[in-house]
Protein backbone atom coordinates (compact mmCIF):
# COMPACT_ATOMS: atom_id res chain seq x y z
CA UNK A 1 0.00 0.00 0.00
CA UNK A 2 2.76 2.41 0.88
CA UNK A 3 4.64 1.58 -2.31
CA UNK A 4 1.67 2.56 -4.45
CA UNK A 5 1.17 5.82 -2.51
CA UNK A 6 4.85 6.66 -2.78
CA UNK A 7 4.90 5.91 -6.51
CA UNK A 8 1.77 7.94 -7.30
CA UNK A 9 2.76 10.87 -5.08
CA UNK A 10 6.29 10.87 -6.49
CA UNK A 11 5.11 10.95 -10.09
CA UNK A 12 2.42 13.57 -9.46
CA UNK A 13 4.68 15.75 -7.35
CA UNK A 14 7.59 15.42 -9.77
CA UNK A 15 5.44 16.41 -12.73
CA UNK A 16 4.01 19.36 -10.81
CA UNK A 17 7.50 20.48 -9.80
CA UNK A 18 8.69 20.12 -13.41
CA UNK A 19 5.81 22.32 -14.62
CA UNK A 20 6.65 24.97 -12.00
CA UNK A 21 10.34 24.90 -12.98
CA UNK A 22 9.54 25.22 -16.68
CA UNK A 23 7.02 28.02 -16.07
CA UNK A 24 9.51 29.93 -13.91
CA UNK A 25 12.17 29.51 -16.60
CA UNK A 26 9.79 30.77 -19.28
CA UNK A 27 8.84 33.78 -17.13
CA UNK A 28 12.49 34.56 -16.47
CA UNK A 29 13.31 34.26 -20.19
CA UNK A 30 10.43 36.61 -21.03
CA UNK A 31 11.74 39.25 -18.63
CA UNK A 32 15.43 38.80 -19.35
CA UNK A 33 15.94 36.86 -22.62
CA UNK A 34 18.89 34.49 -22.76
CA UNK A 35 20.00 31.35 -24.54
CA UNK A 36 20.81 28.60 -22.08
CA UNK A 37 23.32 27.03 -24.46
CA UNK A 38 25.43 30.20 -24.43
CA UNK A 39 26.17 29.62 -20.74
CA UNK A 40 29.53 27.83 -20.38
CA UNK A 41 29.29 24.23 -19.26
CA UNK A 42 25.69 23.61 -20.36
CA UNK A 43 25.10 20.40 -22.29
CA UNK A 44 22.65 20.01 -25.17
CA UNK A 45 19.32 18.30 -24.46
CA UNK A 46 20.38 15.30 -26.57
CA UNK A 47 23.29 14.51 -24.22
CA UNK A 48 22.58 11.45 -22.03
CA UNK A 49 23.91 13.26 -18.95
CA UNK A 50 21.01 15.72 -19.29
CA UNK A 51 18.70 12.92 -18.18
CA UNK A 52 19.91 13.50 -14.62
CA UNK A 53 18.79 17.12 -14.79
CA UNK A 54 15.28 16.15 -15.87
CA UNK A 55 14.99 13.26 -13.39
CA UNK A 56 16.00 15.33 -10.35
CA UNK A 57 12.47 16.61 -9.47
CA UNK A 58 11.05 13.09 -9.62
CA UNK A 59 13.76 11.63 -7.40
CA UNK A 60 13.48 14.46 -4.86
CA UNK A 61 9.71 14.05 -4.60
CA UNK A 62 9.96 10.26 -4.25
CA UNK A 63 12.48 10.65 -1.45
CA UNK A 64 10.31 13.22 0.30
CA UNK A 65 7.19 11.11 -0.04
CA UNK A 66 9.01 8.03 1.28
CA UNK A 67 10.19 10.02 4.30
CA UNK A 68 6.71 11.40 4.99
CA UNK A 69 5.12 7.93 4.73
CA UNK A 70 7.72 6.43 7.03
CA UNK A 71 7.70 9.26 9.59
CA UNK A 72 4.21 10.83 9.51
CA UNK A 73 4.97 13.21 12.40
CA UNK A 74 8.65 14.14 12.08
CA UNK A 75 8.34 17.35 14.10
CA UNK A 76 7.27 17.65 17.75
CA UNK A 77 3.87 19.02 18.68
CA UNK A 78 3.70 22.78 19.16
CA UNK A 79 2.70 23.74 22.65
CA UNK A 80 -0.34 26.05 22.93
C-alpha atoms as a PDB file:
ATOM      1  CA  UNK A   1       0.000   0.000   0.000  1.00  0.00           C
ATOM      2  CA  UNK A   2       2.764   2.409   0.878  1.00  0.00           C
ATOM      3  CA  UNK A   3       4.641   1.577  -2.307  1.00  0.00           C
ATOM      4  CA  UNK A   4       1.666   2.561  -4.451  1.00  0.00           C
ATOM      5  CA  UNK A   5       1.167   5.820  -2.510  1.00  0.00           C
ATOM      6  CA  UNK A   6       4.852   6.663  -2.784  1.00  0.00           C
ATOM      7  CA  UNK A   7       4.900   5.912  -6.508  1.00  0.00           C
ATOM      8  CA  UNK A   8       1.766   7.936  -7.299  1.00  0.00           C
ATOM      9  CA  UNK A   9       2.760  10.873  -5.083  1.00  0.00           C
ATOM     10  CA  UNK A  10       6.293  10.868  -6.486  1.00  0.00           C
ATOM     11  CA  UNK A  11       5.111  10.951 -10.088  1.00  0.00           C
ATOM     12  CA  UNK A  12       2.421  13.574  -9.460  1.00  0.00           C
ATOM     13  CA  UNK A  13       4.685  15.754  -7.352  1.00  0.00           C
ATOM     14  CA  UNK A  14       7.590  15.424  -9.772  1.00  0.00           C
ATOM     15  CA  UNK A  15       5.440  16.413 -12.734  1.00  0.00           C
ATOM     16  CA  UNK A  16       4.013  19.362 -10.807  1.00  0.00           C
ATOM     17  CA  UNK A  17       7.500  20.480  -9.800  1.00  0.00           C
ATOM     18  CA  UNK A  18       8.689  20.116 -13.413  1.00  0.00           C
ATOM     19  CA  UNK A  19       5.811  22.324 -14.618  1.00  0.00           C
ATOM     20  CA  UNK A  20       6.653  24.966 -12.005  1.00  0.00           C
ATOM     21  CA  UNK A  21      10.341  24.903 -12.977  1.00  0.00           C
ATOM     22  CA  UNK A  22       9.540  25.215 -16.684  1.00  0.00           C
ATOM     23  CA  UNK A  23       7.020  28.021 -16.067  1.00  0.00           C
ATOM     24  CA  UNK A  24       9.507  29.933 -13.910  1.00  0.00           C
ATOM     25  CA  UNK A  25      12.168  29.505 -16.599  1.00  0.00           C
ATOM     26  CA  UNK A  26       9.787  30.770 -19.279  1.00  0.00           C
ATOM     27  CA  UNK A  27       8.836  33.776 -17.134  1.00  0.00           C
ATOM     28  CA  UNK A  28      12.494  34.556 -16.467  1.00  0.00           C
ATOM     29  CA  UNK A  29      13.309  34.263 -20.186  1.00  0.00           C
ATOM     30  CA  UNK A  30      10.429  36.605 -21.033  1.00  0.00           C
ATOM     31  CA  UNK A  31      11.737  39.250 -18.630  1.00  0.00           C
ATOM     32  CA  UNK A  32      15.435  38.797 -19.350  1.00  0.00           C
ATOM     33  CA  UNK A  33      15.944  36.858 -22.615  1.00  0.00           C
ATOM     34  CA  UNK A  34      18.891  34.493 -22.760  1.00  0.00           C
ATOM     35  CA  UNK A  35      20.000  31.354 -24.544  1.00  0.00           C
ATOM     36  CA  UNK A  36      20.812  28.595 -22.082  1.00  0.00           C
ATOM     37  CA  UNK A  37      23.322  27.032 -24.458  1.00  0.00           C
ATOM     38  CA  UNK A  38      25.428  30.201 -24.426  1.00  0.00           C
ATOM     39  CA  UNK A  39      26.166  29.622 -20.743  1.00  0.00           C
ATOM     40  CA  UNK A  40      29.530  27.834 -20.382  1.00  0.00           C
ATOM     41  CA  UNK A  41      29.291  24.226 -19.257  1.00  0.00           C
ATOM     42  CA  UNK A  42      25.693  23.608 -20.355  1.00  0.00           C
ATOM     43  CA  UNK A  43      25.099  20.402 -22.290  1.00  0.00           C
ATOM     44  CA  UNK A  44      22.653  20.010 -25.169  1.00  0.00           C
ATOM     45  CA  UNK A  45      19.320  18.303 -24.465  1.00  0.00           C
ATOM     46  CA  UNK A  46      20.377  15.301 -26.570  1.00  0.00           C
ATOM     47  CA  UNK A  47      23.288  14.514 -24.221  1.00  0.00           C
ATOM     48  CA  UNK A  48      22.584  11.451 -22.029  1.00  0.00           C
ATOM     49  CA  UNK A  49      23.912  13.260 -18.955  1.00  0.00           C
ATOM     50  CA  UNK A  50      21.012  15.722 -19.289  1.00  0.00           C
ATOM     51  CA  UNK A  51      18.699  12.920 -18.179  1.00  0.00           C
ATOM     52  CA  UNK A  52      19.908  13.501 -14.618  1.00  0.00           C
ATOM     53  CA  UNK A  53      18.793  17.124 -14.793  1.00  0.00           C
ATOM     54  CA  UNK A  54      15.282  16.152 -15.872  1.00  0.00           C
ATOM     55  CA  UNK A  55      14.991  13.261 -13.392  1.00  0.00           C
ATOM     56  CA  UNK A  56      16.002  15.335 -10.350  1.00  0.00           C
ATOM     57  CA  UNK A  57      12.472  16.614  -9.475  1.00  0.00           C
ATOM     58  CA  UNK A  58      11.045  13.090  -9.616  1.00  0.00           C
ATOM     59  CA  UNK A  59      13.757  11.625  -7.404  1.00  0.00           C
ATOM     60  CA  UNK A  60      13.478  14.459  -4.861  1.00  0.00           C
ATOM     61  CA  UNK A  61       9.709  14.047  -4.605  1.00  0.00           C
ATOM     62  CA  UNK A  62       9.962  10.258  -4.250  1.00  0.00           C
ATOM     63  CA  UNK A  63      12.484  10.647  -1.447  1.00  0.00           C
ATOM     64  CA  UNK A  64      10.312  13.217   0.302  1.00  0.00           C
ATOM     65  CA  UNK A  65       7.191  11.114  -0.040  1.00  0.00           C
ATOM     66  CA  UNK A  66       9.015   8.033   1.277  1.00  0.00           C
ATOM     67  CA  UNK A  67      10.187  10.019   4.298  1.00  0.00           C
ATOM     68  CA  UNK A  68       6.705  11.404   4.992  1.00  0.00           C
ATOM     69  CA  UNK A  69       5.123   7.928   4.729  1.00  0.00           C
ATOM     70  CA  UNK A  70       7.717   6.431   7.031  1.00  0.00           C
ATOM     71  CA  UNK A  71       7.704   9.262   9.590  1.00  0.00           C
ATOM     72  CA  UNK A  72       4.215  10.827   9.513  1.00  0.00           C
ATOM     73  CA  UNK A  73       4.974  13.212  12.404  1.00  0.00           C
ATOM     74  CA  UNK A  74       8.655  14.144  12.075  1.00  0.00           C
ATOM     75  CA  UNK A  75       8.335  17.347  14.095  1.00  0.00           C
ATOM     76  CA  UNK A  76       7.275  17.653  17.750  1.00  0.00           C
ATOM     77  CA  UNK A  77       3.868  19.021  18.677  1.00  0.00           C
ATOM     78  CA  UNK A  78       3.702  22.783  19.161  1.00  0.00           C
ATOM     79  CA  UNK A  79       2.700  23.741  22.647  1.00  0.00           C
ATOM     80  CA  UNK A  80      -0.343  26.054  22.927  1.00  0.00           C
END
